[in-house]
Amino acid sequence: MKYSEAKKAIEALSSKYSADFYANKFNVYYKNELTAGVKKDFIYSFISRENIFNKLPFSNKLYMIMSELAMTPVDERGTDN
């Protein structure tokens, strides 16, 4: 999965979700609060704030999107824009 595909899929879940790059990670925000991220230079690296993540709307779908992105080889994810 490319970063652009992940961003589009995440932001389609709800207008309250957004995604961007900061601190060498692809970050996901819900209502402007950081909830999860995928490190840009590592495969299988998915980070979430469990106390927040599990309570989010569409958290299962978000998890699937982030997992697919994290499993994608780094060189196949595209650029960070």
PDB file of N, CA and C in Angstrom:
ATOM      1  N   MET A   1       0.852  -1.180   0.000  1.00  0.00           N
ATOM      2  CA  MET A   1       0.000   0.000   0.000  1.00  0.00           C
ATOM      3  C   MET A   1       0.896   1.242   0.000  1.00  0.00           C
ATOM      4  N   LYS A   2       0.537   2.196  -0.802  1.00  0.00           N
ATOM      5  CA  LYS A   2       1.279   3.450  -0.867  1.00  0.00           C
ATOM      6  C   LYS A   2       0.780   4.406   0.217  1.00  0.00           C
ATOM      7  N   TYR A   3       1.646   5.346   0.602  1.00  0.00           N
ATOM      8  CA  TYR A   3       1.251   6.335   1.604  1.00  0.00           C
ATOM      9  C   TYR A   3       0.006   7.102   1.153  1.00  0.00           C
ATOM     10  N   SER A   4      -0.029   7.467  -0.116  1.00  0.00           N
ATOM     11  CA  SER A   4      -1.171   8.236  -0.620  1.00  0.00           C
ATOM     12  C   SER A   4      -2.466   7.431  -0.533  1.00  0.00           C
ATOM     13  N   GLU A   5      -2.394   6.117  -0.774  1.00  0.00           N
ATOM     14  CA  GLU A   5      -3.575   5.257  -0.658  1.00  0.00           C
ATOM     15  C   GLU A   5      -4.028   5.148   0.794  1.00  0.00           C
ATOM     16  N   ALA A   6      -3.069   5.008   1.701  1.00  0.00           N
ATOM     17  CA  ALA A   6      -3.405   4.917   3.123  1.00  0.00           C
ATOM     18  C   ALA A   6      -4.048   6.216   3.602  1.00  0.00           C
ATOM     19  N   LYS A   7      -3.478   7.342   3.222  1.00  0.00           N
ATOM     20  CA  LYS A   7      -4.024   8.648   3.623  1.00  0.00           C
ATOM     21  C   LYS A   7      -5.459   8.801   3.131  1.00  0.00           C
ATOM     22  N   LYS A   8      -5.694   8.461   1.878  1.00  0.00           N
ATOM     23  CA  LYS A   8      -7.028   8.575   1.296  1.00  0.00           C
ATOM     24  C   LYS A   8      -8.026   7.658   2.013  1.00  0.00           C
ATOM     25  N   ALA A   9      -7.625   6.416   2.286  1.00  0.00           N
ATOM     26  CA  ALA A   9      -8.511   5.456   2.959  1.00  0.00           C
ATOM     27  C   ALA A   9      -8.818   5.892   4.392  1.00  0.00           C
ATOM     28  N   ILE A  10      -7.821   6.411   5.091  1.00  0.00           N
ATOM     29  CA  ILE A  10      -8.011   6.855   6.473  1.00  0.00           C
ATOM     30  C   ILE A  10      -8.928   8.063   6.525  1.00  0.00           C
ATOM     31  N   GLU A  11      -8.688   9.027   5.682  1.00  0.00           N
ATOM     32  CA  GLU A  11      -9.494  10.242   5.696  1.00  0.00           C
ATOM     33  C   GLU A  11     -10.914   9.989   5.196  1.00  0.00           C
ATOM     34  N   ALA A  12     -11.125   8.878   4.480  1.00  0.00           N
ATOM     35  CA  ALA A  12     -12.473   8.510   4.038  1.00  0.00           C
ATOM     36  C   ALA A  12     -13.295   7.891   5.174  1.00  0.00           C
ATOM     37  N   LEU A  13     -12.638   7.441   6.227  1.00  0.00           N
ATOM     38  CA  LEU A  13     -13.354   6.854   7.369  1.00  0.00           C
ATOM     39  C   LEU A  13     -14.237   7.888   8.054  1.00  0.00           C
ATOM     40  N   SER A  14     -13.703   9.101   8.201  1.00  0.00           N
ATOM     41  CA  SER A  14     -14.424  10.180   8.880  1.00  0.00           C
ATOM     42  C   SER A  14     -13.690  11.489   8.619  1.00  0.00           C
ATOM     43  N   SER A  15     -14.433  12.572   8.607  1.00  0.00           N
ATOM     44  CA  SER A  15     -13.805  13.889   8.425  1.00  0.00           C
ATOM     45  C   SER A  15     -12.965  14.280   9.644  1.00  0.00           C
ATOM     46  N   LYS A  16     -13.078  13.526  10.713  1.00  0.00           N
ATOM     47  CA  LYS A  16     -12.314  13.812  11.933  1.00  0.00           C
ATOM     48  C   LYS A  16     -10.934  13.169  11.918  1.00  0.00           C
ATOM     49  N   TYR A  17     -10.661  12.322  10.908  1.00  0.00           N
ATOM     50  CA  TYR A  17      -9.342  11.712  10.753  1.00  0.00           C
ATOM     51  C   TYR A  17      -8.496  12.539   9.801  1.00  0.00           C
ATOM     52  N   SER A  18      -7.193  12.579  10.084  1.00  0.00           N
ATOM     53  CA  SER A  18      -6.228  13.179   9.159  1.00  0.00           C
ATOM     54  C   SER A  18      -4.929  12.391   9.270  1.00  0.00           C
ATOM     55  N   ALA A  19      -4.074  12.543   8.280  1.00  0.00           N
ATOM     56  CA  ALA A  19      -2.793  11.840   8.274  1.00  0.00           C
ATOM     57  C   ALA A  19      -1.735  12.742   7.654  1.00  0.00           C
ATOM     58  N   ASP A  20      -0.516  12.650   8.194  1.00  0.00           N
ATOM     59  CA  ASP A  20       0.603  13.408   7.642  1.00  0.00           C
ATOM     60  C   ASP A  20       1.917  12.763   8.068  1.00  0.00           C
ATOM     61  N   PHE A  21       3.017  13.392   7.676  1.00  0.00           N
ATOM     62  CA  PHE A  21       4.346  12.921   8.043  1.00  0.00           C
ATOM     63  C   PHE A  21       4.962  13.883   9.035  1.00  0.00           C
ATOM     64  N   TYR A  22       5.481  13.333  10.114  1.00  0.00           N
ATOM     65  CA  TYR A  22       6.179  14.122  11.115  1.00  0.00           C
ATOM     66  C   TYR A  22       7.088  13.185  11.899  1.00  0.00           C
ATOM     67  N   ALA A  23       8.277  13.655  12.208  1.00  0.00           N
ATOM     68  CA  ALA A  23       9.240  12.887  13.009  1.00  0.00           C
ATOM     69  C   ALA A  23       9.511  11.503  12.404  1.00  0.00           C
ATOM     70  N   ASN A  24       9.677  11.476  11.090  1.00  0.00           N
ATOM     71  CA  ASN A  24      10.017  10.247  10.367  1.00  0.00           C
ATOM     72  C   ASN A  24       8.967   9.151  10.490  1.00  0.00           C
ATOM     73  N   LYS A  25       7.688   9.576  10.661  1.00  0.00           N
ATOM     74  CA  LYS A  25       6.582   8.625  10.747  1.00  0.00           C
ATOM     75  C   LYS A  25       5.396   9.123   9.926  1.00  0.00           C
ATOM     76  N   PHE A  26       4.609   8.167   9.445  1.00  0.00           N
ATOM     77  CA  PHE A  26       3.311   8.452   8.856  1.00  0.00           C
ATOM     78  C   PHE A  26       2.340   8.420  10.027  1.00  0.00           C
ATOM     79  N   ASN A  27       1.801   9.567  10.383  1.00  0.00           N
ATOM     80  CA  ASN A  27       0.983   9.704  11.583  1.00  0.00           C
ATOM     81  C   ASN A  27      -0.497   9.840  11.260  1.00  0.00           C
ATOM     82  N   VAL A  28      -1.319   9.283  12.128  1.00  0.00           N
ATOM     83  CA  VAL A  28      -2.773   9.397  12.004  1.00  0.00           C
ATOM     84  C   VAL A  28      -3.299  10.142  13.223  1.00  0.00           C
ATOM     85  N   TYR A  29      -4.188  11.079  12.963  1.00  0.00           N
ATOM     86  CA  TYR A  29      -4.780  11.894  14.014  1.00  0.00           C
ATOM     87  C   TYR A  29      -6.299  11.743  13.973  1.00  0.00           C
ATOM     88  N   TYR A  30      -6.902  11.771  15.140  1.00  0.00           N
ATOM     89  CA  TYR A  30      -8.352  11.829  15.261  1.00  0.00           C
ATOM     90  C   TYR A  30      -8.660  13.070  16.085  1.00  0.00           C
ATOM     91  N   LYS A  31      -9.419  13.969  15.503  1.00  0.00           N
ATOM     92  CA  LYS A  31      -9.703  15.267  16.136  1.00  0.00           C
ATOM     93  C   LYS A  31      -8.403  15.945  16.557  1.00  0.00           C
ATOM     94  N   ASN A  32      -7.421  15.907  15.684  1.00  0.00           N
ATOM     95  CA  ASN A  32      -6.105  16.530  15.874  1.00  0.00           C
ATOM     96  C   ASN A  32      -5.275  15.917  16.993  1.00  0.00           C
ATOM     97  N   GLU A  33      -5.645  14.748  17.489  1.00  0.00           N
ATOM     98  CA  GLU A  33      -4.866  14.063  18.511  1.00  0.00           C
ATOM     99  C   GLU A  33      -4.191  12.846  17.887  1.00  0.00           C
ATOM    100  N   LEU A  34      -2.889  12.756  18.066  1.00  0.00           N
ATOM    101  CA  LEU A  34      -2.126  11.635  17.520  1.00  0.00           C
ATOM    102  C   LEU A  34      -2.644  10.318  18.084  1.00  0.00           C
ATOM    103  N   THR A  35      -2.955   9.384  17.188  1.00  0.00           N
ATOM    104  CA  THR A  35      -3.496   8.107  17.632  1.00  0.00           C
ATOM    105  C   THR A  35      -2.662   6.909  17.180  1.00  0.00           C
ATOM    106  N   ALA A  36      -1.981   7.028  16.038  1.00  0.00           N
ATOM    107  CA  ALA A  36      -1.228   5.889  15.513  1.00  0.00           C
ATOM    108  C   ALA A  36      -0.183   6.376  14.509  1.00  0.00           C
ATOM    109  N   GLY A  37       0.766   5.494  14.208  1.00  0.00           N
ATOM    110  CA  GLY A  37       1.789   5.842  13.231  1.00  0.00           C
ATOM    111  C   GLY A  37       2.500   4.618  12.694  1.00  0.00           C
ATOM    112  N   VAL A  38       3.133   4.804  11.539  1.00  0.00           N
ATOM    113  CA  VAL A  38       3.971   3.784  10.914  1.00  0.00           C
ATOM    114  C   VAL A  38       5.311   4.443  10.637  1.00  0.00           C
ATOM    115  N   LYS A  39       6.388   3.847  11.141  1.00  0.00           N
ATOM    116  CA  LYS A  39       7.718   4.395  10.904  1.00  0.00           C
ATOM    117  C   LYS A  39       8.066   4.250   9.429  1.00  0.00           C
ATOM    118  N   LYS A  40       8.608   5.320   8.858  1.00  0.00           N
ATOM    119  CA  LYS A  40       8.863   5.361   7.419  1.00  0.00           C
ATOM    120  C   LYS A  40       9.974   4.431   6.952  1.00  0.00           C
ATOM    121  N   ASP A  41      10.954   4.160   7.783  1.00  0.00           N
ATOM    122  CA  ASP A  41      12.122   3.398   7.349  1.00  0.00           C
ATOM    123  C   ASP A  41      12.133   1.951   7.822  1.00  0.00           C
ATOM    124  N   PHE A  42      11.021   1.475   8.349  1.00  0.00           N
ATOM    125  CA  PHE A  42      10.967   0.112   8.879  1.00  0.00           C
ATOM    126  C   PHE A  42       9.711  -0.604   8.393  1.00  0.00           C
ATOM    127  N   ILE A  43       9.846  -1.882   8.114  1.00  0.00           N
ATOM    128  CA  ILE A  43       8.700  -2.696   7.773  1.00  0.00           C
ATOM    129  C   ILE A  43       8.152  -3.306   9.073  1.00  0.00           C
ATOM    130  N   TYR A  44       6.872  -3.526   9.131  1.00  0.00           N
ATOM    131  CA  TYR A  44       6.168  -4.109  10.289  1.00  0.00           C
ATOM    132  C   TYR A  44       6.196  -3.221  11.535  1.00  0.00           C
ATOM    133  N   SER A  45       6.428  -1.947  11.370  1.00  0.00           N
ATOM    134  CA  SER A  45       6.488  -1.045  12.519  1.00  0.00           C
ATOM    135  C   SER A  45       5.208  -0.216  12.595  1.00  0.00           C
ATOM    136  N   PHE A  46       4.308  -0.629  13.461  1.00  0.00           N
ATOM    137  CA  PHE A  46       3.029   0.046  13.654  1.00  0.00           C
ATOM    138  C   PHE A  46       2.917   0.434  15.118  1.00  0.00           C
ATOM    139  N   ILE A  47       2.640   1.700  15.379  1.00  0.00           N
ATOM    140  CA  ILE A  47       2.562   2.223  16.736  1.00  0.00           C
ATOM    141  C   ILE A  47       1.160   2.768  16.956  1.00  0.00           C
ATOM    142  N   SER A  48       0.576   2.475  18.115  1.00  0.00           N
ATOM    143  CA  SER A  48      -0.723   3.056  18.431  1.00  0.00           C
ATOM    144  C   SER A  48      -0.774   3.434  19.902  1.00  0.00           C
ATOM    145  N   ARG A  49      -1.614   4.389  20.202  1.00  0.00           N
ATOM    146  CA  ARG A  49      -1.862   4.766  21.586  1.00  0.00           C
ATOM    147  C   ARG A  49      -3.084   3.955  22.026  1.00  0.00           C
ATOM    148  N   GLU A  50      -2.841   2.824  22.637  1.00  0.00           N
ATOM    149  CA  GLU A  50      -3.906   1.859  22.939  1.00  0.00           C
ATOM    150  C   GLU A  50      -5.067   2.452  23.717  1.00  0.00           C
ATOM    151  N   ASN A  51      -4.775   3.314  24.665  1.00  0.00           N
ATOM    152  CA  ASN A  51      -5.847   3.887  25.486  1.00  0.00           C
ATOM    153  C   ASN A  51      -6.806   4.737  24.657  1.00  0.00           C
ATOM    154  N   ILE A  52      -6.346   5.237  23.519  1.00  0.00           N
ATOM    155  CA  ILE A  52      -7.187   6.045  22.636  1.00  0.00           C
ATOM    156  C   ILE A  52      -7.680   5.216  21.454  1.00  0.00           C
ATOM    157  N   PHE A  53      -6.782   4.445  20.861  1.00  0.00           N
ATOM    158  CA  PHE A  53      -7.060   3.727  19.609  1.00  0.00           C
ATOM    159  C   PHE A  53      -8.289   2.836  19.706  1.00  0.00           C
ATOM    160  N   ASN A  54      -8.406   2.063  20.752  1.00  0.00           N
ATOM    161  CA  ASN A  54      -9.507   1.106  20.878  1.00  0.00           C
ATOM    162  C   ASN A  54     -10.873   1.762  20.984  1.00  0.00           C
ATOM    163  N   LYS A  55     -10.915   3.031  21.338  1.00  0.00           N
ATOM    164  CA  LYS A  55     -12.179   3.746  21.507  1.00  0.00           C
ATOM    165  C   LYS A  55     -12.582   4.544  20.265  1.00  0.00           C
ATOM    166  N   LEU A  56     -11.732   4.555  19.255  1.00  0.00           N
ATOM    167  CA  LEU A  56     -11.999   5.347  18.048  1.00  0.00           C
ATOM    168  C   LEU A  56     -13.093   4.728  17.196  1.00  0.00           C
ATOM    169  N   PRO A  57     -13.874   5.583  16.519  1.00  0.00           N
ATOM    170  CA  PRO A  57     -14.808   5.032  15.537  1.00  0.00           C
ATOM    171  C   PRO A  57     -14.014   4.416  14.379  1.00  0.00           C
ATOM    172  N   PHE A  58     -14.471   3.319  13.889  1.00  0.00           N
ATOM    173  CA  PHE A  58     -13.825   2.609  12.775  1.00  0.00           C
ATOM    174  C   PHE A  58     -12.414   2.145  13.122  1.00  0.00           C
ATOM    175  N   SER A  59     -12.143   1.874  14.404  1.00  0.00           N
ATOM    176  CA  SER A  59     -10.789   1.480  14.805  1.00  0.00           C
ATOM    177  C   SER A  59     -10.343   0.176  14.129  1.00  0.00           C
ATOM    178  N   ASN A  60     -11.267  -0.748  13.896  1.00  0.00           N
ATOM    179  CA  ASN A  60     -10.887  -1.992  13.220  1.00  0.00           C
ATOM    180  C   ASN A  60     -10.442  -1.728  11.791  1.00  0.00           C
ATOM    181  N   LYS A  61     -11.167  -0.880  11.089  1.00  0.00           N
ATOM    182  CA  LYS A  61     -10.787  -0.540   9.706  1.00  0.00           C
ATOM    183  C   LYS A  61      -9.466   0.223   9.693  1.00  0.00           C
ATOM    184  N   LEU A  62      -9.303   1.137  10.634  1.00  0.00           N
ATOM    185  CA  LEU A  62      -8.055   1.894  10.730  1.00  0.00           C
ATOM    186  C   LEU A  62      -6.892   0.948  10.980  1.00  0.00           C
ATOM    187  N   TYR A  63      -7.093  -0.015  11.869  1.00  0.00           N
ATOM    188  CA  TYR A  63      -6.057  -0.998  12.156  1.00  0.00           C
ATOM    189  C   TYR A  63      -5.668  -1.767  10.890  1.00  0.00           C
ATOM    190  N   MET A  64      -6.640  -2.170  10.118  1.00  0.00           N
ATOM    191  CA  MET A  64      -6.364  -2.922   8.886  1.00  0.00           C
ATOM    192  C   MET A  64      -5.564  -2.084   7.890  1.00  0.00           C
ATOM    193  N   ILE A  65      -5.927  -0.816   7.744  1.00  0.00           N
ATOM    194  CA  ILE A  65      -5.209   0.074   6.823  1.00  0.00           C
ATOM    195  C   ILE A  65      -3.763   0.251   7.286  1.00  0.00           C
ATOM    196  N   MET A  66      -3.597   0.544   8.571  1.00  0.00           N
ATOM    197  CA  MET A  66      -2.247   0.769   9.100  1.00  0.00           C
ATOM    198  C   MET A  66      -1.407  -0.503   9.039  1.00  0.00           C
ATOM    199  N   SER A  67      -2.018  -1.639   9.276  1.00  0.00           N
ATOM    200  CA  SER A  67      -1.293  -2.914   9.200  1.00  0.00           C
ATOM    201  C   SER A  67      -0.828  -3.194   7.779  1.00  0.00           C
ATOM    202  N   GLU A  68      -1.713  -2.958   6.824  1.00  0.00           N
ATOM    203  CA  GLU A  68      -1.323  -3.176   5.425  1.00  0.00           C
ATOM    204  C   GLU A  68      -0.177  -2.258   5.027  1.00  0.00           C
ATOM    205  N   LEU A  69      -0.239  -1.004   5.442  1.00  0.00           N
ATOM    206  CA  LEU A  69       0.848  -0.070   5.154  1.00  0.00           C
ATOM    207  C   LEU A  69       2.143  -0.539   5.806  1.00  0.00           C
ATOM    208  N   ALA A  70       2.081  -0.956   7.061  1.00  0.00           N
ATOM    209  CA  ALA A  70       3.276  -1.400   7.777  1.00  0.00           C
ATOM    210  C   ALA A  70       3.893  -2.653   7.154  1.00  0.00           C
ATOM    211  N   MET A  71       3.061  -3.505   6.544  1.00  0.00           N
ATOM    212  CA  MET A  71       3.559  -4.728   5.919  1.00  0.00           C
ATOM    213  C   MET A  71       4.156  -4.479   4.536  1.00  0.00           C
ATOM    214  N   THR A  72       3.836  -3.352   3.940  1.00  0.00           N
ATOM    215  CA  THR A  72       4.353  -3.035   2.608  1.00  0.00           C
ATOM    216  C   THR A  72       5.840  -2.723   2.702  1.00  0.00           C
ATOM    217  N   PRO A  73       6.666  -3.334   1.839  1.00  0.00           N
ATOM    218  CA  PRO A  73       8.091  -2.999   1.854  1.00  0.00           C
ATOM    219  C   PRO A  73       8.292  -1.483   1.704  1.00  0.00           C
ATOM    220  N   VAL A  74       9.264  -0.955   2.422  1.00  0.00           N
ATOM    221  CA  VAL A  74       9.499   0.488   2.474  1.00  0.00           C
ATOM    222  C   VAL A  74       9.635   1.086   1.074  1.00  0.00           C
ATOM    223  N   ASP A  75      10.371   0.424   0.194  1.00  0.00           N
ATOM    224  CA  ASP A  75      10.599   0.975  -1.151  1.00  0.00           C
ATOM    225  C   ASP A  75       9.369   0.924  -2.052  1.00  0.00           C
ATOM    226  N   GLU A  76       8.293   0.290  -1.614  1.00  0.00           N
ATOM    227  CA  GLU A  76       7.065   0.210  -2.401  1.00  0.00           C
ATOM    228  C   GLU A  76       5.968   1.142  -1.891  1.00  0.00           C
ATOM    229  N   ARG A  77       6.240   1.888  -0.840  1.00  0.00           N
ATOM    230  CA  ARG A  77       5.231   2.765  -0.246  1.00  0.00           C
ATOM    231  C   ARG A  77       5.080   4.101  -0.949  1.00  0.00           C
ATOM    232  N   GLY A  78       6.023   4.461  -1.781  1.00  0.00           N
ATOM    233  CA  GLY A  78       5.950   5.741  -2.470  1.00  0.00           C
ATOM    234  C   GLY A  78       6.624   6.831  -1.670  1.00  0.00           C
ATOM    235  N   THR A  79       6.375   8.044  -2.087  1.00  0.00           N
ATOM    236  CA  THR A  79       6.984   9.183  -1.412  1.00  0.00           C
ATOM    237  C   THR A  79       6.115   9.650  -0.261  1.00  0.00           C
ATOM    238  N   ASP A  80       6.635  10.531   0.532  1.00  0.00           N
ATOM    239  CA  ASP A  80       5.925  11.000   1.723  1.00  0.00           C
ATOM    240  C   ASP A  80       5.131  12.273   1.465  1.00  0.00           C
ATOM    241  N   ASN A  81       4.510  12.364   0.328  1.00  0.00           N
ATOM    242  CA  ASN A  81       3.674  13.550   0.074  1.00  0.00           C
ATOM    243  C   ASN A  81       2.354  13.155  -0.535  1.00  0.00           C
TER     244      ASN A  81
END
